[in-house]
Amino acid sequence: MAPLRDDSILERFHLLVNAPALFNAMTTAVELNIYGFLAEHPDSGFTEIQEYTGVPAHQLRVLLQAVCATGLLERHDGLYRNSEVAAELLATDADDSWGHILVGWKEVYYPAFAQMTTALRAGRNTALEVYPGDEPTLYQRLARNPDLERVFHRAMSAFTLRSVDALVERPEFAGVRHLLDIGGGDGTTSLRLATRHPELRCTVVDMPSVSRLGDASASAIPDRVALHPADIFADDFPSGADAVLFSHVLEIFDEDRIVGQLKKAYDVLPDGGTVFVYGYNVSDDETTGLFGARLGLYFNVLASGQGMAYPARDYENWLRGVGFKAVSTVAGLPYEHGLTIGVK
């Protein structure tokens, strides 16, 4: 008797082979603000949506069918409305809207994946070649394109806001007085931490072009969120902190560069100081984690040519190797995140 086929895997296969087109369809609906329009005008007809978007009738018909096929839009008696998921995630322009994330992935992440076979065979991020410059990472080359850099960091900030509360609420931050947020981008995480913990002062360390994007975060709490433009590899970390946070930064790089960053954190911290490593973790057997899988491929094809959503045990071993004690991981945080902690 032939073994039973796992129809759930077949169903996922059918979704995956259509996913590139459907992803772009739901993102086009973001760019046309169809979800926002239907939030204000539920049960709108085709003509009303066409008048709002200005898209030719046949092309709009095709788009609406595609987005309905994803389940994000619903059609009843010829009238369209958002699904509950679309209403929650896509219908507003809030800072944490998935709409910002989708546009960022469409403009930066996903065009690169056509280079996947070439990049993986070459062992380097060949998709980076479409960006002007000779710097080795996407983050450095984006500084040459401020508009795209802004889109990219808006997407990153929105995704951070989707997951960061689980980090911010951790009791381990209650005793911290001065935190270095290494590679902290536009300061979104530091602002949330400083707002939640009134005794906490944060210094956000990142490239000058990125630090400029953090002016709003710094101005919100100017006495407790400061920007420190620097190259996190070439420059010394600022002194005087009792904790160091690496949020969504170490995963970009390989073991040697990660260990180098952890050594710099160890050297700058006082005895009893704490290091926090926050980001995606795939499972220990490296077989699960959809968000982590996408991220690792993006790093190797485009962003840096190295890195992945490492299992938590890797970070634990690297922290112990540098000299940190009391190493542990808080697992199971939203969107496949974990928080690995060590004490000097």
Protein backbone atom coordinates (compact mmCIF):
# COMPACT_ATOMS: atom_id res chain seq x y z
CA MET A 1 0.00 0.00 0.00
CA ALA A 2 1.40 3.37 -0.99
CA PRO A 3 2.11 5.78 1.90
CA LEU A 4 -0.42 8.53 2.45
CA ARG A 5 0.62 11.85 0.98
CA ASP A 6 0.82 14.81 3.35
CA ASP A 7 -1.79 17.08 1.75
CA SER A 8 -0.82 19.96 4.03
CA ILE A 9 2.59 20.07 2.33
CA LEU A 10 0.95 19.89 -1.10
CA GLU A 11 -1.34 22.76 -0.12
CA ARG A 12 1.67 24.79 1.02
CA PHE A 13 3.42 23.97 -2.26
CA HIS A 14 0.47 25.33 -4.22
CA LEU A 15 0.55 28.51 -2.14
CA LEU A 16 4.30 28.95 -2.56
CA VAL A 17 4.32 28.61 -6.34
CA ASN A 18 1.74 31.42 -6.57
CA ALA A 19 3.10 33.49 -3.69
CA PRO A 20 5.40 35.90 -5.61
CA ALA A 21 2.52 37.20 -7.74
CA LEU A 22 0.05 37.28 -4.85
CA PHE A 23 2.54 39.10 -2.59
CA ASN A 24 2.89 41.81 -5.20
CA ALA A 25 -0.88 41.99 -5.68
CA MET A 26 -1.56 42.58 -1.98
CA THR A 27 1.27 45.13 -1.90
CA THR A 28 -0.13 46.94 -4.93
CA ALA A 29 -3.41 47.17 -3.01
CA VAL A 30 -1.43 48.87 -0.22
CA GLU A 31 0.14 51.33 -2.64
CA LEU A 32 -3.28 52.11 -4.13
CA ASN A 33 -4.68 52.44 -0.57
CA ILE A 34 -7.51 50.04 -1.35
CA TYR A 35 -7.51 48.69 2.22
CA GLY A 36 -7.64 52.23 3.59
CA PHE A 37 -10.48 53.16 1.24
CA LEU A 38 -12.52 50.10 2.23
CA ALA A 39 -11.89 50.83 5.91
CA GLU A 40 -13.66 54.14 5.41
CA HIS A 41 -16.15 52.86 2.83
CA PRO A 42 -16.95 49.19 3.54
CA ASP A 43 -19.18 47.34 1.08
CA SER A 44 -18.05 49.49 -1.83
CA GLY A 45 -18.78 48.48 -5.38
CA PHE A 46 -16.34 48.02 -8.23
CA THR A 47 -17.14 51.40 -9.75
CA GLU A 48 -16.46 53.21 -6.49
CA ILE A 49 -13.09 51.51 -6.09
CA GLN A 50 -12.20 52.27 -9.71
CA GLU A 51 -13.11 55.93 -9.32
CA TYR A 52 -10.92 56.11 -6.20
CA THR A 53 -7.87 54.30 -7.60
CA GLY A 54 -8.00 55.40 -11.24
CA VAL A 55 -6.91 51.92 -12.37
CA PRO A 56 -8.39 50.80 -15.72
CA ALA A 57 -11.43 48.55 -15.28
CA HIS A 58 -9.97 45.28 -16.60
CA GLN A 59 -6.70 45.61 -14.66
CA LEU A 60 -8.58 46.47 -11.47
CA ARG A 61 -10.81 43.43 -11.99
CA VAL A 62 -7.71 41.23 -12.19
CA LEU A 63 -6.16 42.83 -9.10
CA LEU A 64 -9.28 42.56 -6.96
CA GLN A 65 -9.72 38.89 -7.91
CA ALA A 66 -6.13 38.19 -6.90
CA VAL A 67 -6.44 39.95 -3.54
CA CYS A 68 -9.76 38.23 -2.88
CA ALA A 69 -8.03 34.91 -3.63
CA THR A 70 -5.61 35.63 -0.77
CA GLY A 71 -8.54 36.15 1.59
CA LEU A 72 -7.50 39.71 2.43
CA LEU A 73 -10.51 41.15 0.63
CA GLU A 74 -14.04 39.73 0.69
CA ARG A 75 -16.74 40.13 -1.95
CA HIS A 76 -20.41 39.64 -1.21
CA ASP A 77 -23.19 40.44 -3.66
CA GLY A 78 -20.70 42.38 -5.76
CA LEU A 79 -19.55 44.57 -2.86
CA TYR A 80 -16.02 44.56 -1.42
CA ARG A 81 -14.80 44.85 2.15
CA ASN A 82 -11.61 44.17 4.11
CA SER A 83 -11.18 40.88 5.89
CA GLU A 84 -10.48 41.12 9.62
CA VAL A 85 -6.79 40.53 8.94
CA ALA A 86 -6.57 43.28 6.32
CA ALA A 87 -8.47 45.67 8.58
CA GLU A 88 -6.03 45.01 11.43
CA LEU A 89 -2.73 44.88 9.52
CA LEU A 90 -3.09 46.93 6.34
CA ALA A 91 -5.89 49.48 6.54
CA THR A 92 -4.07 52.26 8.36
CA ASP A 93 -0.89 54.28 7.88
CA ALA A 94 0.17 53.77 11.51
CA ASP A 95 3.88 53.42 12.24
CA ASP A 96 3.48 49.66 12.79
CA SER A 97 1.35 49.02 9.69
CA TRP A 98 2.22 45.91 7.73
CA GLY A 99 1.74 48.12 4.69
CA HIS A 100 5.11 49.78 5.34
CA ILE A 101 6.71 46.36 5.72
CA LEU A 102 5.27 45.02 2.47
CA VAL A 103 6.39 48.06 0.47
CA GLY A 104 9.91 47.81 1.91
CA TRP A 105 10.13 44.11 1.08
CA LYS A 106 8.78 44.75 -2.43
CA GLU A 107 11.25 47.54 -3.14
CA VAL A 108 14.37 46.05 -1.53
CA TYR A 109 14.12 42.41 -0.41
CA TYR A 110 12.22 40.49 -3.03
CA PRO A 111 13.76 41.74 -6.30
CA ALA A 112 17.04 40.33 -5.01
CA PHE A 113 15.77 36.76 -4.72
CA ALA A 114 15.93 36.25 -8.49
CA GLN A 115 19.71 36.15 -7.88
CA MET A 116 19.48 33.37 -5.28
CA THR A 117 21.06 30.51 -7.24
CA THR A 118 23.85 32.76 -8.51
CA ALA A 119 24.55 34.24 -5.08
CA LEU A 120 24.56 30.96 -3.19
CA ARG A 121 26.81 29.29 -5.75
CA ALA A 122 29.19 32.25 -5.67
CA GLY A 123 29.18 32.43 -1.88
CA ARG A 124 28.59 36.18 -1.95
CA ASN A 125 25.71 38.66 -2.12
CA THR A 126 25.66 39.15 -5.88
CA ALA A 127 22.28 40.93 -5.81
CA LEU A 128 24.06 43.89 -4.21
CA GLU A 129 25.63 44.70 -7.57
CA VAL A 130 22.55 46.65 -8.71
CA TYR A 131 23.21 49.22 -5.95
CA PRO A 132 25.89 51.83 -6.73
CA GLY A 133 29.06 51.75 -4.66
CA ASP A 134 31.80 49.38 -3.60
CA GLU A 135 30.80 48.85 0.05
CA PRO A 136 30.23 45.19 1.03
CA THR A 137 26.75 45.53 2.59
CA LEU A 138 23.36 46.79 1.53
CA TYR A 139 23.14 49.04 4.57
CA GLN A 140 26.23 50.98 3.53
CA ARG A 141 25.17 51.33 -0.12
CA LEU A 142 21.68 52.51 0.81
CA ALA A 143 23.32 55.65 2.22
CA ARG A 144 23.78 56.68 -1.44
CA ASN A 145 20.01 56.54 -2.00
CA PRO A 146 18.30 58.44 0.85
CA ASP A 147 14.78 57.90 -0.49
CA LEU A 148 15.16 54.12 -0.68
CA GLU A 149 17.03 54.10 2.62
CA ARG A 150 14.03 55.83 4.19
CA VAL A 151 11.61 53.24 2.73
CA PHE A 152 13.85 50.43 3.99
CA HIS A 153 14.13 51.74 7.54
CA ARG A 154 10.42 52.58 7.70
CA ALA A 155 9.74 48.92 6.93
CA MET A 156 12.27 47.78 9.54
CA SER A 157 10.82 50.14 12.12
CA ALA A 158 7.28 48.90 11.45
CA PHE A 159 8.33 45.29 11.89
CA THR A 160 10.23 46.17 15.05
CA LEU A 161 7.09 47.77 16.48
CA ARG A 162 5.19 44.57 15.73
CA SER A 163 7.47 42.51 17.96
CA VAL A 164 9.30 44.88 20.30
CA ASP A 165 6.84 44.99 23.19
CA ALA A 166 7.83 41.47 24.19
CA LEU A 167 11.41 42.76 24.52
CA VAL A 168 10.50 46.03 26.23
CA GLU A 169 8.47 44.28 28.93
CA ARG A 170 11.30 41.96 29.98
CA PRO A 171 12.11 42.50 33.69
CA GLU A 172 15.86 42.30 33.00
CA PHE A 173 15.78 45.91 31.74
CA ALA A 174 14.35 47.27 34.99
CA GLY A 175 17.77 47.50 36.64
CA VAL A 176 19.64 48.95 33.62
CA ARG A 177 20.60 52.62 33.80
CA HIS A 178 22.56 53.22 30.57
CA LEU A 179 22.06 51.01 27.52
CA LEU A 180 24.10 50.95 24.32
CA ASP A 181 21.80 50.05 21.43
CA ILE A 182 24.35 48.80 18.89
CA GLY A 183 23.16 49.03 15.29
CA GLY A 184 19.98 50.53 16.68
CA GLY A 185 18.82 52.07 13.41
CA ASP A 186 16.39 54.94 13.79
CA GLY A 187 16.07 54.45 17.54
CA THR A 188 12.65 52.79 17.51
CA THR A 189 13.66 50.14 20.05
CA SER A 190 15.48 52.56 22.33
CA LEU A 191 12.54 54.95 22.36
CA ARG A 192 10.19 52.14 23.39
CA LEU A 193 12.59 50.97 26.09
CA ALA A 194 13.13 54.46 27.49
CA THR A 195 9.39 55.14 27.50
CA ARG A 196 8.71 51.91 29.38
CA HIS A 197 11.61 52.28 31.87
CA PRO A 198 11.80 55.89 33.17
CA GLU A 199 15.23 55.41 34.78
CA LEU A 200 16.82 54.15 31.57
CA ARG A 201 19.09 56.19 29.30
CA CYS A 202 19.86 54.84 25.80
CA THR A 203 22.63 55.60 23.34
CA VAL A 204 21.87 54.47 19.78
CA VAL A 205 25.00 53.59 17.80
CA ASP A 206 24.71 53.31 14.01
CA MET A 207 26.02 54.70 10.73
CA PRO A 208 25.71 58.47 10.26
CA SER A 209 23.17 58.18 7.42
CA VAL A 210 20.99 55.95 9.60
CA SER A 211 21.41 58.08 12.71
CA ARG A 212 19.89 61.01 10.82
CA LEU A 213 16.71 58.98 10.51
CA GLY A 214 16.57 58.74 14.31
CA ASP A 215 16.10 62.44 14.98
CA ALA A 216 12.43 61.93 15.82
CA SER A 217 13.22 59.22 18.36
CA ALA A 218 15.92 61.31 20.02
CA SER A 219 13.80 64.44 20.12
CA ALA A 220 10.91 62.59 21.77
CA ILE A 221 12.96 62.03 24.96
CA PRO A 222 16.06 64.19 24.36
CA ASP A 223 17.55 63.67 27.81
CA ARG A 224 17.34 59.86 27.65
CA VAL A 225 17.71 58.83 23.99
CA ALA A 226 20.93 59.97 22.31
CA LEU A 227 22.32 59.25 18.84
CA HIS A 228 25.98 58.27 18.43
CA PRO A 229 26.96 58.06 14.72
CA ALA A 230 29.70 55.48 14.30
CA ASP A 231 30.91 52.42 12.42
CA ILE A 232 30.19 49.61 14.88
CA PHE A 233 33.13 47.59 13.55
CA ALA A 234 35.81 50.25 13.07
CA ASP A 235 34.97 52.56 15.99
CA ASP A 236 35.09 52.00 19.72
CA PHE A 237 31.82 51.59 21.58
CA PRO A 238 30.96 54.56 23.83
CA SER A 239 31.93 54.01 27.46
CA GLY A 240 29.89 54.33 30.62
CA ALA A 241 27.04 51.91 29.90
CA ASP A 242 26.01 49.05 32.14
CA ALA A 243 24.26 47.08 29.36
CA VAL A 244 24.64 46.49 25.63
CA LEU A 245 21.79 45.53 23.30
CA PHE A 246 22.28 43.93 19.89
CA SER A 247 18.82 43.96 18.31
CA HIS A 248 18.55 42.52 14.79
CA VAL A 249 22.20 43.23 14.04
CA LEU A 250 24.42 40.24 14.88
CA GLU A 251 22.33 37.91 12.72
CA ILE A 252 23.51 39.81 9.65
CA PHE A 253 27.11 38.58 9.99
CA ASP A 254 29.24 35.48 10.31
CA GLU A 255 30.68 33.96 13.47
CA ASP A 256 33.96 35.88 13.41
CA ARG A 257 32.28 39.28 13.19
CA ILE A 258 29.66 38.34 15.76
CA VAL A 259 32.30 37.22 18.24
CA GLY A 260 34.22 40.44 17.56
CA GLN A 261 31.15 42.49 18.46
CA LEU A 262 30.54 40.47 21.59
CA LYS A 263 34.17 40.99 22.66
CA LYS A 264 33.77 44.74 22.21
CA ALA A 265 30.65 44.61 24.38
CA TYR A 266 32.47 42.57 27.02
CA ASP A 267 35.38 45.02 27.09
CA VAL A 268 33.20 48.13 27.45
CA LEU A 269 30.94 46.72 30.18
CA PRO A 270 31.71 46.88 33.90
CA ASP A 271 31.64 43.76 36.05
CA GLY A 272 28.02 42.79 36.46
CA GLY A 273 27.08 44.46 33.16
CA THR A 274 24.61 42.71 30.87
CA VAL A 275 24.55 41.95 27.17
CA PHE A 276 21.27 41.34 25.35
CA VAL A 277 21.07 39.65 21.93
CA TYR A 278 17.60 39.98 20.43
CA GLY A 279 16.47 38.69 17.07
CA TYR A 280 15.16 35.78 15.07
CA ASN A 281 16.06 32.23 16.10
CA VAL A 282 15.43 29.20 13.92
CA SER A 283 14.90 25.91 15.73
CA ASP A 284 17.93 24.13 17.18
CA ASP A 285 17.68 21.44 14.48
CA GLU A 286 17.44 24.17 11.82
CA THR A 287 14.29 22.77 10.20
CA THR A 288 11.60 25.32 11.14
CA GLY A 289 11.09 29.07 11.13
CA LEU A 290 9.53 30.71 8.07
CA PHE A 291 10.48 34.26 9.04
CA GLY A 292 14.00 33.11 9.87
CA ALA A 293 14.30 31.24 6.58
CA ARG A 294 13.37 34.33 4.57
CA LEU A 295 15.78 36.45 6.58
CA GLY A 296 18.77 34.14 6.14
CA LEU A 297 18.26 34.01 2.39
CA TYR A 298 17.95 37.80 2.21
CA PHE A 299 21.21 38.24 4.12
CA ASN A 300 23.16 35.90 1.87
CA VAL A 301 21.71 37.00 -1.45
CA LEU A 302 21.67 40.76 -0.84
CA ALA A 303 22.39 42.30 2.55
CA SER A 304 25.80 41.00 3.60
CA GLY A 305 26.63 37.69 1.93
CA GLN A 306 26.68 35.99 5.33
CA GLY A 307 24.62 35.51 8.48
CA MET A 308 21.32 33.80 9.25
CA ALA A 309 18.67 33.58 11.94
CA TYR A 310 21.00 31.53 14.13
CA PRO A 311 19.69 29.03 16.68
CA ALA A 312 19.80 30.45 20.20
CA ARG A 313 22.40 27.87 21.20
CA ASP A 314 24.91 29.50 18.83
CA TYR A 315 24.61 32.85 20.61
CA GLU A 316 24.85 31.11 23.97
CA ASN A 317 28.08 29.37 22.95
CA TRP A 318 29.59 32.59 21.56
CA LEU A 319 28.73 34.53 24.71
CA ARG A 320 30.31 31.89 26.94
CA GLY A 321 33.38 31.79 24.71
CA VAL A 322 33.88 35.55 25.11
CA GLY A 323 33.61 35.26 28.88
CA PHE A 324 30.01 36.07 29.78
CA LYS A 325 28.39 34.09 32.60
CA ALA A 326 24.82 33.21 33.55
CA VAL A 327 23.99 32.82 29.86
CA SER A 328 20.38 31.99 29.07
CA THR A 329 17.73 32.50 26.38
CA VAL A 330 14.14 33.64 26.61
CA ALA A 331 12.55 31.72 23.73
CA GLY A 332 9.16 31.80 22.06
CA LEU A 333 8.83 35.58 21.64
CA PRO A 334 6.60 36.86 18.78
CA TYR A 335 7.61 36.33 15.17
CA GLU A 336 10.17 33.62 16.02
CA HIS A 337 12.23 35.92 18.22
CA GLY A 338 14.42 35.11 21.19
CA LEU A 339 16.42 37.10 23.74
CA THR A 340 19.81 35.69 24.78
CA ILE A 341 21.34 37.24 27.88
CA GLY A 342 24.81 37.14 29.42
CA VAL A 343 26.44 38.82 32.44
CA LYS A 344 30.05 39.95 32.71
